[in-house]
Amino acid sequence: MDKSNIPNYVHHSGGAVGADLEWARQGARYGIVSRHYWHRRRTPFGNTEISQEDFVEGVHHVLQANGTLCRRPERHLDLLARNWCQVKYSEAVFAIGRMRQGRVEGGTAWAVQMAIDVAKPVYLFDQESERWLGYADGTWRPCSTPVLTRSFAGIGSRQITPAGLRAIGEVYGKTFGAR
């Protein structure tokens, strides 16, 4: 594929095994640069350390998100506050995960909720129903395969399914006109 006509795109994530790395792996074929954020302790694929200012800001956003999620973020505050950078530096969030009773499951929910809290576009590929959902006007609705923004958070479950892998490929294909 000729990458010279593809504008610069940046993928933001935590670099976790599963969806995060799959967004990076498939994106590399299109010349996408991946920034995998970390704080205090470098993660296996971390390549961008966050600043103390971003960490403090991230803690604020984690606590705000917890107002909706009602979880216990204290044990994993370094990782969760780091997730704020994925949201902060992206124009939209594209997540692979699971939706149960109208809520995103697992750790993916934190970045998704932070993006919702600051009114960024959010898309979730639900691996259970094998369809894309978009968040708008306070609700999740089925949508077609989304198109990436130039600066995007490509995140999600560590337990990515074959459908999740295909969904990432379809987003890249639709964005760049590849088949």
N, C-alpha and C. Protein backbone atom coordinates (compact mmCIF):
# COMPACT_ATOMS: atom_id res chain seq x y z
N MET A 1 0.84 -1.18 0.00
CA MET A 1 0.00 0.00 0.00
C MET A 1 0.88 1.24 0.00
N ASP A 2 0.54 2.22 -0.83
CA ASP A 2 1.26 3.49 -0.89
C ASP A 2 0.81 4.37 0.27
N LYS A 3 1.72 4.60 1.24
CA LYS A 3 1.38 5.39 2.42
C LYS A 3 1.61 6.88 2.20
N SER A 4 2.20 7.27 1.09
CA SER A 4 2.57 8.66 0.88
C SER A 4 1.36 9.58 0.78
N ASN A 5 0.21 9.06 0.40
CA ASN A 5 -0.97 9.91 0.28
C ASN A 5 -1.85 9.88 1.53
N ILE A 6 -1.40 9.20 2.57
CA ILE A 6 -2.15 9.15 3.83
C ILE A 6 -1.60 10.22 4.75
N PRO A 7 -2.46 11.16 5.19
CA PRO A 7 -1.97 12.20 6.11
C PRO A 7 -1.51 11.57 7.42
N ASN A 8 -0.76 12.34 8.20
CA ASN A 8 -0.26 11.83 9.48
C ASN A 8 -1.40 11.55 10.44
N TYR A 9 -1.46 10.34 10.93
CA TYR A 9 -2.44 9.93 11.93
C TYR A 9 -1.67 9.49 13.17
N VAL A 10 -2.25 9.72 14.34
CA VAL A 10 -1.63 9.29 15.59
C VAL A 10 -2.65 8.47 16.38
N HIS A 11 -2.21 7.31 16.81
CA HIS A 11 -3.01 6.39 17.62
C HIS A 11 -2.55 6.52 19.07
N HIS A 12 -3.51 6.75 19.99
CA HIS A 12 -3.22 6.88 21.42
C HIS A 12 -3.79 5.67 22.15
N SER A 13 -2.99 5.07 23.05
CA SER A 13 -3.47 3.94 23.85
C SER A 13 -2.53 3.74 25.04
N GLY A 14 -2.83 2.70 25.80
CA GLY A 14 -1.94 2.30 26.89
C GLY A 14 -0.98 1.22 26.47
N GLY A 15 -1.15 0.70 25.26
CA GLY A 15 -0.25 -0.33 24.76
C GLY A 15 -0.46 -1.69 25.39
N ALA A 16 -1.65 -1.93 25.91
CA ALA A 16 -1.92 -3.23 26.53
C ALA A 16 -2.07 -4.31 25.46
N VAL A 17 -1.74 -5.54 25.85
CA VAL A 17 -1.96 -6.68 24.97
C VAL A 17 -3.45 -6.76 24.69
N GLY A 18 -3.80 -7.08 23.46
CA GLY A 18 -5.20 -7.17 23.07
C GLY A 18 -5.53 -6.05 22.09
N ALA A 19 -6.64 -5.38 22.30
CA ALA A 19 -7.11 -4.37 21.35
C ALA A 19 -6.12 -3.22 21.17
N ASP A 20 -5.52 -2.73 22.26
CA ASP A 20 -4.58 -1.61 22.14
C ASP A 20 -3.48 -1.93 21.12
N LEU A 21 -2.85 -3.08 21.30
CA LEU A 21 -1.75 -3.45 20.40
C LEU A 21 -2.24 -3.81 19.01
N GLU A 22 -3.46 -4.31 18.92
CA GLU A 22 -4.00 -4.64 17.60
C GLU A 22 -4.27 -3.36 16.78
N TRP A 23 -4.78 -2.32 17.45
CA TRP A 23 -4.93 -1.03 16.76
C TRP A 23 -3.56 -0.58 16.24
N ALA A 24 -2.51 -0.73 17.06
CA ALA A 24 -1.16 -0.33 16.67
C ALA A 24 -0.64 -1.20 15.53
N ARG A 25 -0.79 -2.51 15.67
CA ARG A 25 -0.27 -3.45 14.66
C ARG A 25 -0.90 -3.19 13.30
N GLN A 26 -2.23 -3.13 13.26
CA GLN A 26 -2.90 -2.91 11.98
C GLN A 26 -2.64 -1.50 11.46
N GLY A 27 -2.54 -0.54 12.36
CA GLY A 27 -2.28 0.83 11.95
C GLY A 27 -0.91 1.04 11.35
N ALA A 28 0.06 0.25 11.80
CA ALA A 28 1.42 0.38 11.28
C ALA A 28 1.46 0.14 9.78
N ARG A 29 0.56 -0.69 9.29
CA ARG A 29 0.50 -0.95 7.84
C ARG A 29 0.15 0.30 7.05
N TYR A 30 -0.48 1.28 7.73
CA TYR A 30 -0.88 2.52 7.08
C TYR A 30 0.04 3.68 7.48
N GLY A 31 1.11 3.38 8.18
CA GLY A 31 2.03 4.41 8.60
C GLY A 31 1.58 5.18 9.83
N ILE A 32 0.67 4.60 10.59
CA ILE A 32 0.15 5.27 11.79
C ILE A 32 1.18 5.18 12.91
N VAL A 33 1.39 6.29 13.58
CA VAL A 33 2.29 6.36 14.74
C VAL A 33 1.46 6.06 15.98
N SER A 34 1.97 5.20 16.85
CA SER A 34 1.26 4.87 18.10
C SER A 34 1.98 5.46 19.29
N ARG A 35 1.20 6.09 20.17
CA ARG A 35 1.71 6.60 21.44
C ARG A 35 1.05 5.78 22.54
N HIS A 36 1.86 4.99 23.24
CA HIS A 36 1.37 4.14 24.33
C HIS A 36 1.81 4.78 25.65
N TYR A 37 0.87 5.33 26.38
CA TYR A 37 1.17 6.11 27.58
C TYR A 37 1.45 5.24 28.80
N TRP A 38 2.31 5.77 29.68
CA TRP A 38 2.62 5.10 30.95
C TRP A 38 2.94 6.15 31.99
N HIS A 39 2.84 5.73 33.27
CA HIS A 39 3.14 6.63 34.39
C HIS A 39 3.84 5.85 35.50
N ARG A 40 4.93 6.38 35.98
CA ARG A 40 5.74 5.83 37.09
C ARG A 40 6.41 4.50 36.77
N ARG A 41 5.69 3.58 36.20
CA ARG A 41 6.25 2.27 35.88
C ARG A 41 6.00 2.00 34.40
N ARG A 42 7.08 1.90 33.66
CA ARG A 42 6.94 1.70 32.21
C ARG A 42 6.23 0.38 31.92
N THR A 43 5.23 0.46 31.08
CA THR A 43 4.49 -0.73 30.66
C THR A 43 5.30 -1.43 29.55
N PRO A 44 5.04 -2.71 29.29
CA PRO A 44 5.85 -3.43 28.30
C PRO A 44 5.94 -2.74 26.94
N PHE A 45 4.88 -2.08 26.50
CA PHE A 45 4.90 -1.43 25.20
C PHE A 45 4.81 0.09 25.32
N GLY A 46 4.97 0.60 26.54
CA GLY A 46 4.89 2.04 26.76
C GLY A 46 6.01 2.77 26.06
N ASN A 47 5.68 3.83 25.36
CA ASN A 47 6.71 4.63 24.69
C ASN A 47 6.55 6.13 24.94
N THR A 48 5.53 6.51 25.75
CA THR A 48 5.30 7.92 26.03
C THR A 48 4.96 8.09 27.51
N GLU A 49 5.90 8.61 28.27
CA GLU A 49 5.65 8.85 29.68
C GLU A 49 4.81 10.11 29.84
N ILE A 50 3.80 10.05 30.72
CA ILE A 50 2.96 11.23 30.93
C ILE A 50 3.61 12.15 31.97
N SER A 51 3.29 13.41 31.87
CA SER A 51 3.84 14.39 32.81
C SER A 51 3.08 14.33 34.13
N GLN A 52 3.67 14.92 35.17
CA GLN A 52 2.99 15.00 36.46
C GLN A 52 1.71 15.83 36.33
N GLU A 53 1.76 16.86 35.51
CA GLU A 53 0.57 17.70 35.27
C GLU A 53 -0.56 16.87 34.65
N ASP A 54 -0.22 16.06 33.66
CA ASP A 54 -1.24 15.19 33.04
C ASP A 54 -1.75 14.15 34.04
N PHE A 55 -0.86 13.65 34.90
CA PHE A 55 -1.29 12.68 35.91
C PHE A 55 -2.31 13.31 36.86
N VAL A 56 -2.02 14.49 37.37
CA VAL A 56 -2.93 15.17 38.30
C VAL A 56 -4.27 15.45 37.61
N GLU A 57 -4.19 15.92 36.38
CA GLU A 57 -5.40 16.17 35.60
C GLU A 57 -6.16 14.85 35.40
N GLY A 58 -5.43 13.77 35.13
CA GLY A 58 -6.04 12.46 34.94
C GLY A 58 -6.77 11.97 36.17
N VAL A 59 -6.17 12.18 37.35
CA VAL A 59 -6.83 11.78 38.60
C VAL A 59 -8.18 12.49 38.72
N HIS A 60 -8.20 13.77 38.41
CA HIS A 60 -9.46 14.52 38.45
C HIS A 60 -10.50 13.88 37.53
N HIS A 61 -10.10 13.52 36.32
CA HIS A 61 -11.04 12.95 35.35
C HIS A 61 -11.46 11.52 35.74
N VAL A 62 -10.56 10.77 36.37
CA VAL A 62 -10.92 9.43 36.86
C VAL A 62 -12.00 9.56 37.93
N LEU A 63 -11.81 10.48 38.85
CA LEU A 63 -12.80 10.67 39.93
C LEU A 63 -14.14 11.15 39.37
N GLN A 64 -14.08 12.01 38.36
CA GLN A 64 -15.32 12.45 37.70
C GLN A 64 -16.01 11.25 37.03
N ALA A 65 -15.25 10.44 36.31
CA ALA A 65 -15.82 9.26 35.65
C ALA A 65 -16.41 8.30 36.67
N ASN A 66 -15.77 8.21 37.82
CA ASN A 66 -16.25 7.30 38.85
C ASN A 66 -17.62 7.71 39.39
N GLY A 67 -17.98 8.98 39.23
CA GLY A 67 -19.32 9.41 39.60
C GLY A 67 -20.39 8.65 38.82
N THR A 68 -20.05 8.24 37.61
CA THR A 68 -20.96 7.45 36.77
C THR A 68 -20.71 5.96 36.95
N LEU A 69 -19.44 5.57 36.97
CA LEU A 69 -19.08 4.14 37.00
C LEU A 69 -19.28 3.50 38.36
N CYS A 70 -19.12 4.28 39.43
CA CYS A 70 -19.29 3.76 40.81
C CYS A 70 -18.42 2.53 41.07
N ARG A 71 -17.13 2.69 40.86
CA ARG A 71 -16.17 1.60 41.08
C ARG A 71 -15.17 2.04 42.14
N ARG A 72 -14.09 1.29 42.27
CA ARG A 72 -13.03 1.61 43.22
C ARG A 72 -11.73 1.86 42.45
N PRO A 73 -11.48 3.11 42.06
CA PRO A 73 -10.31 3.38 41.22
C PRO A 73 -8.98 3.47 41.96
N GLU A 74 -8.99 3.54 43.27
CA GLU A 74 -7.78 3.84 44.04
C GLU A 74 -6.62 2.89 43.77
N ARG A 75 -6.88 1.60 43.68
CA ARG A 75 -5.80 0.61 43.50
C ARG A 75 -5.07 0.75 42.18
N HIS A 76 -5.75 1.28 41.17
CA HIS A 76 -5.17 1.34 39.83
C HIS A 76 -5.07 2.77 39.31
N LEU A 77 -4.91 3.70 40.21
CA LEU A 77 -4.94 5.12 39.83
C LEU A 77 -3.87 5.48 38.81
N ASP A 78 -2.67 4.90 38.90
CA ASP A 78 -1.62 5.19 37.91
C ASP A 78 -2.08 4.84 36.50
N LEU A 79 -2.65 3.64 36.35
CA LEU A 79 -3.12 3.21 35.03
C LEU A 79 -4.33 4.01 34.58
N LEU A 80 -5.26 4.26 35.47
CA LEU A 80 -6.48 4.96 35.08
C LEU A 80 -6.22 6.42 34.75
N ALA A 81 -5.38 7.09 35.54
CA ALA A 81 -5.05 8.48 35.26
C ALA A 81 -4.28 8.59 33.95
N ARG A 82 -3.46 7.60 33.67
CA ARG A 82 -2.75 7.54 32.39
C ARG A 82 -3.74 7.47 31.22
N ASN A 83 -4.86 6.79 31.44
CA ASN A 83 -5.87 6.68 30.39
C ASN A 83 -6.41 8.04 29.97
N TRP A 84 -6.34 9.01 30.89
CA TRP A 84 -6.80 10.35 30.55
C TRP A 84 -6.04 10.88 29.33
N CYS A 85 -4.74 10.58 29.23
CA CYS A 85 -3.96 11.08 28.10
C CYS A 85 -4.46 10.51 26.77
N GLN A 86 -4.93 9.27 26.78
CA GLN A 86 -5.50 8.68 25.58
C GLN A 86 -6.67 9.52 25.09
N VAL A 87 -7.46 9.97 26.03
CA VAL A 87 -8.65 10.78 25.72
C VAL A 87 -8.23 12.22 25.40
N LYS A 88 -7.44 12.81 26.26
CA LYS A 88 -7.05 14.22 26.13
C LYS A 88 -6.42 14.52 24.77
N TYR A 89 -5.52 13.67 24.34
CA TYR A 89 -4.77 13.95 23.12
C TYR A 89 -5.43 13.39 21.85
N SER A 90 -6.61 12.84 21.97
CA SER A 90 -7.31 12.32 20.80
C SER A 90 -8.52 13.19 20.48
N GLU A 91 -8.99 13.04 19.27
CA GLU A 91 -10.21 13.75 18.84
C GLU A 91 -11.44 12.88 19.05
N ALA A 92 -11.25 11.57 19.12
CA ALA A 92 -12.35 10.63 19.30
C ALA A 92 -11.79 9.33 19.86
N VAL A 93 -12.67 8.53 20.48
CA VAL A 93 -12.29 7.25 21.07
C VAL A 93 -12.99 6.12 20.31
N PHE A 94 -12.21 5.13 19.92
CA PHE A 94 -12.69 3.94 19.21
C PHE A 94 -12.30 2.75 20.07
N ALA A 95 -13.28 2.08 20.64
CA ALA A 95 -13.01 1.02 21.62
C ALA A 95 -13.58 -0.31 21.17
N ILE A 96 -12.88 -1.36 21.55
CA ILE A 96 -13.33 -2.74 21.33
C ILE A 96 -13.61 -3.31 22.71
N GLY A 97 -14.82 -3.79 22.94
CA GLY A 97 -15.15 -4.31 24.26
C GLY A 97 -16.49 -5.00 24.29
N ARG A 98 -17.11 -4.91 25.45
CA ARG A 98 -18.42 -5.53 25.65
C ARG A 98 -19.35 -4.54 26.33
N MET A 99 -20.58 -4.55 25.88
CA MET A 99 -21.62 -3.74 26.47
C MET A 99 -22.58 -4.68 27.19
N ARG A 100 -22.86 -4.39 28.46
CA ARG A 100 -23.83 -5.18 29.22
C ARG A 100 -24.78 -4.22 29.92
N GLN A 101 -26.03 -4.38 29.67
CA GLN A 101 -27.07 -3.57 30.30
C GLN A 101 -26.77 -2.07 30.16
N GLY A 102 -26.37 -1.68 28.95
CA GLY A 102 -26.12 -0.28 28.66
C GLY A 102 -24.83 0.29 29.20
N ARG A 103 -23.94 -0.56 29.73
CA ARG A 103 -22.67 -0.09 30.29
C ARG A 103 -21.50 -0.85 29.67
N VAL A 104 -20.42 -0.12 29.43
CA VAL A 104 -19.20 -0.73 28.92
C VAL A 104 -18.54 -1.49 30.06
N GLU A 105 -18.11 -2.71 29.79
CA GLU A 105 -17.49 -3.54 30.82
C GLU A 105 -15.99 -3.30 30.91
N GLY A 106 -15.42 -3.72 32.03
CA GLY A 106 -13.97 -3.77 32.22
C GLY A 106 -13.28 -2.43 32.27
N GLY A 107 -11.97 -2.49 32.12
CA GLY A 107 -11.14 -1.30 32.20
C GLY A 107 -11.38 -0.31 31.07
N THR A 108 -11.88 -0.81 29.95
CA THR A 108 -12.18 0.06 28.81
C THR A 108 -13.19 1.14 29.19
N ALA A 109 -14.05 0.83 30.14
CA ALA A 109 -15.10 1.77 30.55
C ALA A 109 -14.53 3.10 31.04
N TRP A 110 -13.34 3.07 31.65
CA TRP A 110 -12.77 4.31 32.20
C TRP A 110 -12.49 5.34 31.12
N ALA A 111 -11.74 4.98 30.09
CA ALA A 111 -11.44 5.93 29.02
C ALA A 111 -12.71 6.32 28.28
N VAL A 112 -13.60 5.36 28.06
CA VAL A 112 -14.86 5.67 27.40
C VAL A 112 -15.64 6.70 28.20
N GLN A 113 -15.74 6.51 29.51
CA GLN A 113 -16.51 7.45 30.32
C GLN A 113 -15.83 8.82 30.38
N MET A 114 -14.50 8.84 30.46
CA MET A 114 -13.80 10.14 30.46
C MET A 114 -14.07 10.89 29.16
N ALA A 115 -14.09 10.17 28.04
CA ALA A 115 -14.38 10.82 26.75
C ALA A 115 -15.82 11.34 26.72
N ILE A 116 -16.75 10.56 27.24
CA ILE A 116 -18.14 11.01 27.31
C ILE A 116 -18.24 12.26 28.18
N ASP A 117 -17.52 12.26 29.30
CA ASP A 117 -17.57 13.40 30.23
C ASP A 117 -17.08 14.69 29.60
N VAL A 118 -16.16 14.61 28.64
CA VAL A 118 -15.65 15.83 27.99
C VAL A 118 -16.20 15.99 26.57
N ALA A 119 -17.27 15.26 26.28
CA ALA A 119 -18.04 15.40 25.03
C ALA A 119 -17.23 15.11 23.76
N LYS A 120 -16.37 14.09 23.84
CA LYS A 120 -15.67 13.65 22.63
C LYS A 120 -16.48 12.54 21.99
N PRO A 121 -16.41 12.40 20.68
CA PRO A 121 -17.09 11.28 20.02
C PRO A 121 -16.54 9.95 20.53
N VAL A 122 -17.44 9.00 20.78
CA VAL A 122 -17.05 7.68 21.29
C VAL A 122 -17.78 6.61 20.50
N TYR A 123 -17.01 5.61 20.07
CA TYR A 123 -17.55 4.45 19.36
C TYR A 123 -17.07 3.20 20.07
N LEU A 124 -17.96 2.23 20.19
CA LEU A 124 -17.62 0.97 20.83
C LEU A 124 -18.05 -0.17 19.92
N PHE A 125 -17.10 -1.06 19.62
CA PHE A 125 -17.48 -2.30 18.94
C PHE A 125 -17.79 -3.29 20.04
N ASP A 126 -19.07 -3.67 20.14
CA ASP A 126 -19.50 -4.63 21.15
C ASP A 126 -19.23 -6.04 20.62
N GLN A 127 -18.29 -6.74 21.24
CA GLN A 127 -17.89 -8.07 20.79
C GLN A 127 -18.99 -9.11 21.00
N GLU A 128 -19.95 -8.83 21.86
CA GLU A 128 -21.07 -9.76 22.06
C GLU A 128 -22.04 -9.71 20.88
N SER A 129 -22.49 -8.51 20.54
CA SER A 129 -23.47 -8.37 19.45
C SER A 129 -22.79 -8.23 18.09
N GLU A 130 -21.46 -8.04 18.10
CA GLU A 130 -20.66 -7.87 16.89
C GLU A 130 -21.17 -6.71 16.05
N ARG A 131 -21.36 -5.56 16.72
CA ARG A 131 -21.77 -4.35 15.99
C ARG A 131 -21.19 -3.11 16.66
N TRP A 132 -21.10 -2.07 15.87
CA TRP A 132 -20.63 -0.78 16.36
C TRP A 132 -21.76 -0.02 17.00
N LEU A 133 -21.43 0.67 18.09
CA LEU A 133 -22.36 1.56 18.79
C LEU A 133 -21.69 2.92 18.90
N GLY A 134 -22.47 3.96 18.73
CA GLY A 134 -21.97 5.31 18.91
C GLY A 134 -22.71 5.96 20.07
N TYR A 135 -22.02 6.79 20.81
CA TYR A 135 -22.64 7.46 21.96
C TYR A 135 -23.03 8.87 21.55
N ALA A 136 -24.30 9.20 21.71
CA ALA A 136 -24.78 10.55 21.41
C ALA A 136 -26.04 10.83 22.21
N ASP A 137 -26.16 12.05 22.64
CA ASP A 137 -27.36 12.49 23.37
C ASP A 137 -27.68 11.60 24.56
N GLY A 138 -26.63 11.15 25.26
CA GLY A 138 -26.83 10.38 26.48
C GLY A 138 -27.20 8.93 26.29
N THR A 139 -27.04 8.41 25.09
CA THR A 139 -27.41 7.00 24.86
C THR A 139 -26.51 6.36 23.80
N TRP A 140 -26.42 5.04 23.88
CA TRP A 140 -25.69 4.26 22.88
C TRP A 140 -26.65 3.83 21.80
N ARG A 141 -26.24 4.01 20.54
CA ARG A 141 -27.07 3.60 19.40
C ARG A 141 -26.23 2.84 18.38
N PRO A 142 -26.82 1.82 17.73
CA PRO A 142 -26.08 1.14 16.66
C PRO A 142 -25.69 2.14 15.58
N CYS A 143 -24.51 1.94 15.00
CA CYS A 143 -24.05 2.81 13.92
C CYS A 143 -23.23 1.98 12.94
N SER A 144 -22.94 2.58 11.80
CA SER A 144 -22.10 1.89 10.83
C SER A 144 -20.64 1.97 11.28
N THR A 145 -19.78 1.26 10.60
CA THR A 145 -18.35 1.29 10.92
C THR A 145 -17.88 2.73 10.87
N PRO A 146 -17.28 3.23 11.96
CA PRO A 146 -16.84 4.63 11.99
C PRO A 146 -15.55 4.85 11.19
N VAL A 147 -15.28 6.12 10.94
CA VAL A 147 -14.06 6.54 10.25
C VAL A 147 -13.17 7.24 11.28
N LEU A 148 -11.89 6.92 11.25
CA LEU A 148 -10.94 7.48 12.22
C LEU A 148 -10.76 8.98 12.06
N THR A 149 -10.49 9.64 13.17
CA THR A 149 -10.02 11.01 13.17
C THR A 149 -8.50 10.95 13.07
N ARG A 150 -7.84 12.06 12.76
CA ARG A 150 -6.38 12.04 12.61
C ARG A 150 -5.66 11.69 13.90
N SER A 151 -6.22 12.10 15.01
CA SER A 151 -5.65 11.80 16.32
C SER A 151 -6.73 11.04 17.08
N PHE A 152 -6.52 9.74 17.28
CA PHE A 152 -7.59 8.90 17.83
C PHE A 152 -7.07 7.98 18.92
N ALA A 153 -7.96 7.66 19.86
CA ALA A 153 -7.67 6.64 20.86
C ALA A 153 -8.24 5.34 20.32
N GLY A 154 -7.38 4.38 20.07
CA GLY A 154 -7.77 3.04 19.65
C GLY A 154 -7.46 2.13 20.83
N ILE A 155 -8.49 1.72 21.54
CA ILE A 155 -8.31 1.03 22.83
C ILE A 155 -9.23 -0.17 22.92
N GLY A 156 -9.17 -0.87 24.05
CA GLY A 156 -10.15 -1.91 24.28
C GLY A 156 -9.66 -3.08 25.08
N SER A 157 -10.46 -4.10 25.01
CA SER A 157 -10.31 -5.31 25.81
C SER A 157 -9.00 -6.04 25.53
N ARG A 158 -8.47 -6.64 26.58
CA ARG A 158 -7.32 -7.53 26.40
C ARG A 158 -7.77 -8.84 25.76
N GLN A 159 -9.03 -9.18 25.94
CA GLN A 159 -9.59 -10.41 25.36
C GLN A 159 -10.31 -10.05 24.06
N ILE A 160 -9.52 -9.81 23.03
CA ILE A 160 -10.10 -9.44 21.74
C ILE A 160 -10.49 -10.71 20.99
N THR A 161 -11.66 -10.67 20.39
CA THR A 161 -12.19 -11.81 19.65
C THR A 161 -11.87 -11.66 18.16
N PRO A 162 -12.07 -12.73 17.37
CA PRO A 162 -11.90 -12.59 15.92
C PRO A 162 -12.78 -11.47 15.34
N ALA A 163 -13.98 -11.30 15.88
CA ALA A 163 -14.86 -10.22 15.40
C ALA A 163 -14.26 -8.85 15.74
N GLY A 164 -13.65 -8.73 16.90
CA GLY A 164 -12.99 -7.48 17.28
C GLY A 164 -11.82 -7.16 16.37
N LEU A 165 -11.04 -8.19 16.02
CA LEU A 165 -9.92 -8.02 15.08
C LEU A 165 -10.42 -7.53 13.73
N ARG A 166 -11.50 -8.15 13.24
CA ARG A 166 -12.08 -7.74 11.96
C ARG A 166 -12.59 -6.30 12.03
N ALA A 167 -13.21 -5.95 13.15
CA ALA A 167 -13.78 -4.61 13.30
C ALA A 167 -12.69 -3.54 13.17
N ILE A 168 -11.53 -3.78 13.77
CA ILE A 168 -10.42 -2.83 13.66
C ILE A 168 -9.99 -2.71 12.20
N GLY A 169 -9.84 -3.86 11.53
CA GLY A 169 -9.46 -3.85 10.12
C GLY A 169 -10.47 -3.11 9.26
N GLU A 170 -11.75 -3.26 9.57
CA GLU A 170 -12.78 -2.58 8.79
C GLU A 170 -12.74 -1.07 9.01
N VAL A 171 -12.41 -0.62 10.23
CA VAL A 171 -12.28 0.82 10.48
C VAL A 171 -11.14 1.38 9.65
N TYR A 172 -9.99 0.72 9.68
CA TYR A 172 -8.86 1.18 8.88
C TYR A 172 -9.21 1.14 7.39
N GLY A 173 -9.84 0.08 6.95
CA GLY A 173 -10.22 -0.04 5.55
C GLY A 173 -11.16 1.06 5.11
N LYS A 174 -12.15 1.35 5.91
CA LYS A 174 -13.11 2.41 5.57
C LYS A 174 -12.42 3.79 5.60
N THR A 175 -11.56 4.00 6.56
CA THR A 175 -10.86 5.29 6.69
C THR A 175 -9.94 5.55 5.51
N PHE A 176 -9.19 4.53 5.09
CA PHE A 176 -8.18 4.73 4.07
C PHE A 176 -8.55 4.16 2.71
N GLY A 177 -9.78 3.67 2.57
CA GLY A 177 -10.23 3.17 1.28
C GLY A 177 -9.57 1.88 0.86
N ALA A 178 -9.00 1.15 1.81
CA ALA A 178 -8.35 -0.13 1.51
C ALA A 178 -9.38 -1.25 1.56
N ARG A 179 -9.14 -2.27 0.84
CA ARG A 179 -10.06 -3.41 0.86
C ARG A 179 -9.34 -4.62 1.42
